């Protein structure tokens, strides 16, 4: 969400509506943008033990993937 609109409760309202629509679904997963993890934790989301992704864009890979030096 654009910085000018943050802090107004808009994302919370949207997410609550989405979660209500998905209340019969057994699992909801999301990829949070960097720095927004505390917001999603407040909304009840927990970090996963496992998760995998392929990012073809090197900038996104750098931002979202754990470095793996193996």
Protein backbone atom coordinates (compact mmCIF):
# COMPACT_ATOMS: atom_id res chain seq x y z
CA UNK A 1 0.00 0.00 0.00
CA UNK A 2 1.28 3.47 -0.85
CA UNK A 3 2.83 5.29 2.14
CA UNK A 4 0.24 8.10 1.94
CA UNK A 5 -2.51 5.60 2.80
CA UNK A 6 -0.73 3.60 5.49
CA UNK A 7 -1.88 3.89 9.08
CA UNK A 8 -5.52 4.50 8.19
CA UNK A 9 -6.73 0.95 8.78
CA UNK A 10 -7.45 0.31 5.09
CA UNK A 11 -5.26 -2.81 4.82
CA UNK A 12 -6.74 -4.19 8.05
CA UNK A 13 -10.29 -3.75 6.73
CA UNK A 14 -9.40 -5.37 3.40
CA UNK A 15 -7.59 -8.29 5.04
CA UNK A 16 -10.41 -8.86 7.53
CA UNK A 17 -12.87 -8.98 4.62
CA UNK A 18 -10.70 -11.44 2.68
CA UNK A 19 -10.27 -13.62 5.75
CA UNK A 20 -14.03 -13.60 6.35
CA UNK A 21 -14.62 -14.71 2.75
CA UNK A 22 -12.08 -17.50 3.26
CA UNK A 23 -13.32 -18.61 6.70
CA UNK A 24 -14.13 -22.11 5.41
CA UNK A 25 -10.65 -22.58 3.92
CA UNK A 26 -8.30 -24.71 6.03
CA UNK A 27 -5.14 -22.68 5.33
CA UNK A 28 -4.32 -19.16 4.17
CA UNK A 29 -0.74 -18.45 3.10
CA UNK A 30 0.72 -15.14 2.03
CA UNK A 31 3.99 -13.57 1.05
CA UNK A 32 4.45 -10.32 2.95
CA UNK A 33 6.43 -7.43 1.62
CA UNK A 34 9.60 -6.78 3.58
CA UNK A 35 8.93 -4.89 6.78
CA UNK A 36 5.22 -5.67 7.00
CA UNK A 37 5.55 -8.91 8.95
CA UNK A 38 4.47 -7.28 12.27
CA UNK A 39 1.18 -6.18 10.68
CA UNK A 40 0.39 -9.71 9.53
CA UNK A 41 1.40 -11.13 12.91
CA UNK A 42 -1.12 -8.75 14.54
CA UNK A 43 -3.72 -10.14 12.14
CA UNK A 44 -3.03 -13.66 13.38
CA UNK A 45 -0.58 -14.94 10.78
CA UNK A 46 2.38 -17.06 11.94
CA UNK A 47 5.70 -17.74 10.25
CA UNK A 48 5.89 -21.07 8.45
CA UNK A 49 8.43 -23.73 9.35
CA UNK A 50 8.96 -24.41 5.67
CA UNK A 51 8.41 -22.43 2.53
CA UNK A 52 9.99 -22.45 -0.88
CA UNK A 53 10.01 -20.03 -3.79
CA UNK A 54 11.73 -19.31 -7.09
CA UNK A 55 12.19 -15.67 -8.00
CA UNK A 56 13.33 -15.07 -11.55
CA UNK A 57 13.85 -11.35 -10.88
CA UNK A 58 17.27 -11.04 -9.15
CA UNK A 59 16.17 -8.01 -7.09
CA UNK A 60 13.18 -9.88 -5.69
CA UNK A 61 15.34 -12.92 -5.04
CA UNK A 62 17.80 -10.77 -3.10
CA UNK A 63 15.02 -9.23 -1.02
CA UNK A 64 12.89 -12.27 -0.25
CA UNK A 65 15.06 -15.39 -0.35
CA UNK A 66 17.29 -16.51 2.48
CA UNK A 67 20.89 -16.67 1.39
CA UNK A 68 22.04 -20.22 0.94
CA UNK A 69 25.77 -20.75 1.02
CA UNK A 70 25.63 -24.56 0.82
